[in-house]
Amino acid sequence: MTITFITGANKGLGYETARRLVDAGHTVVLGARDGAVAADKLGVRWVRIDVTDEASVRAAAADVEQHEGVVDVLINNAGVHGPMGDPSGLTGDELLGVLDVNLVGVVRTTTAFLPLLRRSADPVIINVSSAMGSLAATHDPARAESGVVAPAYTSSKAALTMLTTQYAKGLPDIRINAADPGYTATDLNGHSGPQTVTEGTDAIVALATEGPGHGSGRFVDRHGEIAWS
């Protein structure tokens, strides 16, 4: 039985990923600050986690160690958007707030859960990133990413993709990849994306279910591996 822990899994991409992985036979542990209702709907266990709080993250890992004893797949999904539009008034605190969730939160969670992942025969980490952090995508007028101004979010996702490649190099015993959901209708964008939430989770689910023997340090969307620049 594959045991999967997902942060930010009480709604949106995280919830749909949890639902699909439950259907695929995974034992999903739903990580969120408030996940009781979502966990009940899915029939899974909820563990409270606030990825911006070191003590909360450590407590979540200890809880999973006590109950499941191992994690096969860690999905770092929790994320926030931050200010959009004209960056003239963007403050350092606003940027730090987004980075604290989208980037530093991934570091906190990964570090805390590494001992549990290393108990797995095939440990996997999936970081939910975005082509919004890609220079190529955000400069291509044919792509939706080129028309969005979201300085904090895009910066955090560019950093997260690079963080993923560094972790993949530094932790060769674990398969670590980044997923780009694509422009998906979720609360994060006011449900403006053209993709359904199921389509938006295709890449995440594919990485979570692909099995041993696949590469690490990849950036993947629902159509396959993509270059990052």
Protein backbone atom coordinates (compact mmCIF):
# COMPACT_ATOMS: atom_id res chain seq x y z
CA MET A 1 0.00 0.00 0.00
CA THR A 2 1.41 3.39 -1.04
CA ILE A 3 1.17 5.99 1.73
CA THR A 4 0.92 9.53 0.41
CA PHE A 5 1.01 12.77 2.38
CA ILE A 6 -0.32 15.89 0.65
CA THR A 7 -0.06 19.44 1.99
CA GLY A 8 -2.84 21.91 1.25
CA ALA A 9 -5.13 19.01 0.40
CA ASN A 10 -8.40 20.39 1.75
CA LYS A 11 -9.40 22.08 -1.53
CA GLY A 12 -8.47 22.71 -5.16
CA LEU A 13 -5.59 20.78 -6.70
CA GLY A 14 -4.65 19.17 -3.40
CA TYR A 15 -8.12 17.82 -2.77
CA GLU A 16 -8.52 16.50 -6.31
CA THR A 17 -5.08 14.89 -6.14
CA ALA A 18 -6.08 13.20 -2.90
CA ARG A 19 -9.37 12.00 -4.40
CA ARG A 20 -7.69 10.54 -7.46
CA LEU A 21 -4.93 8.85 -5.50
CA VAL A 22 -7.45 7.29 -3.13
CA ASP A 23 -9.18 5.88 -6.22
CA ALA A 24 -5.78 4.61 -7.38
CA GLY A 25 -5.34 2.66 -4.16
CA HIS A 26 -3.10 5.00 -2.17
CA THR A 27 -3.52 5.50 1.55
CA VAL A 28 -3.74 9.29 1.56
CA VAL A 29 -3.05 11.42 4.60
CA LEU A 30 -4.59 14.84 4.10
CA GLY A 31 -2.40 17.65 5.36
CA ALA A 32 -3.99 21.06 5.92
CA ARG A 33 -4.55 23.69 8.56
CA ASP A 34 -8.26 22.86 8.51
CA GLY A 35 -9.03 19.59 6.79
CA ALA A 36 -11.65 17.78 8.86
CA VAL A 37 -14.52 18.27 6.39
CA ALA A 38 -12.43 17.41 3.34
CA ALA A 39 -10.95 14.33 5.00
CA ASP A 40 -14.41 13.12 5.98
CA LYS A 41 -15.64 13.48 2.39
CA LEU A 42 -12.66 11.52 1.08
CA GLY A 43 -12.64 8.93 3.84
CA VAL A 44 -9.02 9.66 4.75
CA ARG A 45 -7.12 10.77 7.82
CA TRP A 46 -6.46 14.47 8.41
CA VAL A 47 -3.25 15.71 9.99
CA ARG A 48 -3.07 19.39 10.85
CA ILE A 49 -0.09 21.15 9.28
CA ASP A 50 0.80 24.79 8.78
CA VAL A 51 3.83 24.81 6.49
CA THR A 52 4.86 28.27 7.77
CA ASP A 53 5.17 26.96 11.34
CA GLU A 54 8.20 24.80 12.11
CA ALA A 55 6.61 23.27 15.20
CA SER A 56 3.43 22.43 13.29
CA VAL A 57 5.40 20.72 10.53
CA ARG A 58 7.43 18.68 13.01
CA ALA A 59 4.26 17.71 14.87
CA ALA A 60 2.64 16.56 11.61
CA ALA A 61 5.63 14.37 10.78
CA ALA A 62 5.57 12.91 14.30
CA ASP A 63 1.85 12.18 13.93
CA VAL A 64 2.39 10.35 10.65
CA GLU A 65 5.30 8.43 12.15
CA GLN A 66 3.07 7.29 15.00
CA HIS A 67 0.14 6.24 12.81
CA GLU A 68 1.50 5.24 9.38
CA GLY A 69 5.19 4.82 10.19
CA VAL A 70 6.34 5.56 6.64
CA VAL A 71 5.67 7.91 3.74
CA ASP A 72 6.11 6.71 0.16
CA VAL A 73 5.01 9.89 -1.60
CA LEU A 74 5.23 13.45 -0.28
CA ILE A 75 3.33 16.03 -2.34
CA ASN A 76 4.24 19.60 -1.48
CA ASN A 77 1.12 21.29 -2.78
CA ALA A 78 0.30 24.05 -0.29
CA GLY A 79 0.56 27.45 -1.94
CA VAL A 80 -0.63 31.05 -1.98
CA HIS A 81 -0.81 33.59 -4.79
CA GLY A 82 0.02 36.92 -3.19
CA PRO A 83 -0.39 40.38 -4.72
CA MET A 84 -1.12 40.67 -8.43
CA GLY A 85 -0.78 43.50 -10.93
CA ASP A 86 1.32 46.64 -10.77
CA PRO A 87 4.25 45.87 -8.41
CA SER A 88 4.87 49.52 -7.52
CA GLY A 89 3.51 49.02 -4.03
CA LEU A 90 4.80 45.49 -3.43
CA THR A 91 6.38 45.23 0.00
CA GLY A 92 9.12 42.99 1.26
CA ASP A 93 6.74 41.51 3.82
CA GLU A 94 4.26 40.58 1.09
CA LEU A 95 6.96 38.84 -0.90
CA LEU A 96 8.33 37.08 2.16
CA GLY A 97 4.83 35.88 3.03
CA VAL A 98 4.45 34.15 -0.34
CA LEU A 99 7.95 32.69 -0.24
CA ASP A 100 7.32 31.42 3.30
CA VAL A 101 4.51 29.20 2.03
CA ASN A 102 5.53 28.35 -1.53
CA LEU A 103 9.26 27.84 -1.04
CA VAL A 104 10.36 27.77 2.59
CA GLY A 105 7.30 25.70 3.50
CA VAL A 106 8.51 23.05 1.06
CA VAL A 107 11.91 23.02 2.75
CA ARG A 108 10.38 22.70 6.22
CA THR A 109 8.08 19.88 5.17
CA THR A 110 10.67 17.99 3.16
CA THR A 111 13.22 18.10 5.96
CA ALA A 112 10.70 16.92 8.55
CA PHE A 113 9.41 14.06 6.39
CA LEU A 114 12.74 12.79 5.04
CA PRO A 115 13.20 10.16 7.78
CA LEU A 116 9.75 8.73 6.93
CA LEU A 117 10.46 8.80 3.19
CA ARG A 118 13.71 6.93 3.70
CA ARG A 119 11.75 4.04 5.19
CA SER A 120 10.05 3.57 1.81
CA ALA A 121 11.27 1.16 -0.86
CA ASP A 122 10.52 3.82 -3.51
CA PRO A 123 10.41 7.30 -1.95
CA VAL A 124 8.98 10.12 -4.04
CA ILE A 125 8.69 13.88 -3.55
CA ILE A 126 6.52 15.98 -5.86
CA ASN A 127 6.70 19.75 -5.67
CA VAL A 128 3.74 21.52 -7.24
CA SER A 129 5.39 24.32 -9.17
CA SER A 130 4.17 26.28 -12.19
CA ALA A 131 5.16 27.43 -15.66
CA MET A 132 4.41 30.87 -14.22
CA GLY A 133 7.97 30.63 -12.95
CA SER A 134 9.40 29.90 -16.41
CA LEU A 135 11.11 32.67 -18.39
CA ALA A 136 10.18 30.95 -21.63
CA ALA A 137 6.49 30.56 -20.79
CA THR A 138 6.03 34.04 -19.36
CA HIS A 139 7.66 35.61 -22.45
CA ASP A 140 5.68 33.56 -24.98
CA PRO A 141 2.67 35.62 -26.16
CA ALA A 142 0.92 32.42 -27.21
CA ARG A 143 0.76 31.27 -23.58
CA ALA A 144 -1.60 32.50 -20.87
CA GLU A 145 1.35 32.89 -18.48
CA SER A 146 2.66 35.81 -20.54
CA GLY A 147 -0.32 38.00 -19.70
CA VAL A 148 -0.20 37.69 -15.93
CA VAL A 149 1.62 39.99 -13.53
CA ALA A 150 2.08 38.19 -10.22
CA PRO A 151 5.60 39.06 -9.05
CA ALA A 152 5.59 37.21 -5.74
CA TYR A 153 3.95 34.02 -7.03
CA THR A 154 6.05 33.75 -10.17
CA SER A 155 9.27 34.35 -8.27
CA SER A 156 8.38 31.69 -5.72
CA LYS A 157 7.64 29.11 -8.41
CA ALA A 158 10.84 29.84 -10.32
CA ALA A 159 12.72 29.30 -7.08
CA LEU A 160 10.76 26.13 -6.30
CA THR A 161 11.59 24.54 -9.64
CA MET A 162 15.29 25.23 -9.10
CA LEU A 163 15.03 23.97 -5.52
CA THR A 164 13.60 20.74 -6.91
CA THR A 165 16.57 20.18 -9.20
CA GLN A 166 18.99 20.85 -6.34
CA TYR A 167 17.22 18.41 -4.03
CA ALA A 168 17.22 15.82 -6.81
CA LYS A 169 21.00 16.16 -7.16
CA GLY A 170 21.61 16.22 -3.44
CA LEU A 171 19.27 13.36 -2.51
CA PRO A 172 19.87 10.68 -5.16
CA ASP A 173 18.10 8.06 -3.03
CA ILE A 174 14.76 9.81 -3.54
CA ARG A 175 12.91 10.58 -6.80
CA ILE A 176 12.17 14.31 -6.67
CA ASN A 177 10.29 16.14 -9.41
CA ALA A 178 8.26 19.28 -10.02
CA ALA A 179 4.80 19.36 -11.57
CA ASP A 180 3.20 22.17 -13.55
CA PRO A 181 -0.58 21.86 -13.25
CA GLY A 182 -1.20 24.40 -15.99
CA TYR A 183 -3.81 27.16 -15.94
CA THR A 184 -6.50 25.44 -13.90
CA ALA A 185 -9.74 26.79 -12.47
CA THR A 186 -9.15 26.98 -8.70
CA ASP A 187 -9.69 29.41 -5.82
CA LEU A 188 -6.14 30.62 -6.41
CA ASN A 189 -7.13 32.34 -9.67
CA GLY A 190 -10.82 32.99 -9.05
CA HIS A 191 -11.68 29.89 -11.09
CA SER A 192 -10.55 31.65 -14.27
CA GLY A 193 -8.38 28.86 -15.67
CA PRO A 194 -9.60 26.93 -18.73
CA GLN A 195 -8.53 23.54 -17.36
CA THR A 196 -10.65 21.49 -15.00
CA VAL A 197 -9.19 20.62 -11.63
CA THR A 198 -8.91 17.01 -12.81
CA GLU A 199 -6.84 18.07 -15.82
CA GLY A 200 -4.76 20.23 -13.51
CA THR A 201 -3.83 17.24 -11.38
CA ASP A 202 -2.82 14.97 -14.28
CA ALA A 203 0.89 15.69 -13.93
CA ILE A 204 0.88 15.31 -10.15
CA VAL A 205 -0.99 12.02 -10.27
CA ALA A 206 1.27 10.71 -13.05
CA LEU A 207 4.37 11.41 -10.96
CA ALA A 208 2.79 9.85 -7.88
CA THR A 209 1.87 6.63 -9.66
CA GLU A 210 4.64 6.10 -12.23
CA GLY A 211 6.60 3.61 -10.08
CA PRO A 212 10.34 2.89 -9.77
CA GLY A 213 12.87 3.47 -12.51
CA HIS A 214 11.87 6.95 -13.61
CA GLY A 215 14.09 9.99 -13.51
CA SER A 216 14.58 12.63 -10.85
CA GLY A 217 14.93 16.38 -11.24
CA ARG A 218 12.28 16.64 -13.96
CA PHE A 219 9.69 19.35 -14.62
CA VAL A 220 6.49 17.72 -15.87
CA ASP A 221 3.12 18.95 -17.10
CA ARG A 222 0.08 16.93 -18.16
CA HIS A 223 1.61 16.31 -21.59
CA GLY A 224 4.95 15.03 -20.30
CA GLU A 225 8.38 16.33 -19.42
CA ILE A 226 9.09 19.96 -20.26
CA ALA A 227 12.22 22.07 -20.35
CA TRP A 228 12.57 24.79 -17.77
CA SER A 229 14.09 28.13 -18.64
